[in-house]
Amino acid sequence: MLLWQHFGRQPRRAELAKPPSVISQSAYLRRFHSWTDALTQFVAYANAQDTRPPDPVEIPKGHKTGRDPSLRLRFRVMKRDNFSCRVCGASPALKPGLTLHVDHIVAWSLGGETVDDNLQTLCEPCNLGKSNML
């Protein structure tokens, strides 16, 4: 994350060996055998079907999904929304330090499910400024 913020983009393989990186490229090479394989496996992981079973403790009667989206689902929603707020268009690439939230369009408390079509990316100010109203 530090490198993404430092460069304002995805770090290149050669940049992993230079400061401010705290992880050398050898860690990637040991596990994935190449930087390209590491990226390929990450994309495959991020695009894989969400297999997290719903948490029965969180699911009240009438809900088919849990309230909190999995990390994989969060990534898919943010990727779909180009890692920017759907209300104001703000992006961490343009505003370092900006926090993005994955938000239910129809509030979960009002019966909205935790599925791709009912989730959107919002920046923290836009998300905290809304309520669970339709």
Foldseek 3Di string as FASTA:
>chain_A
DVVCLVVLHDDDLVCCCDPPHPDHCVVVCVVQVDPVSVVVVVVCVLPDDDPDQADPVQDDPLARHHQDDDPSLVVVQCVVVVQAAPPPGDHCSVVPPWDKDWAFQQHVVNPGYDDSVRIHIHIPVVVVPDDNDD
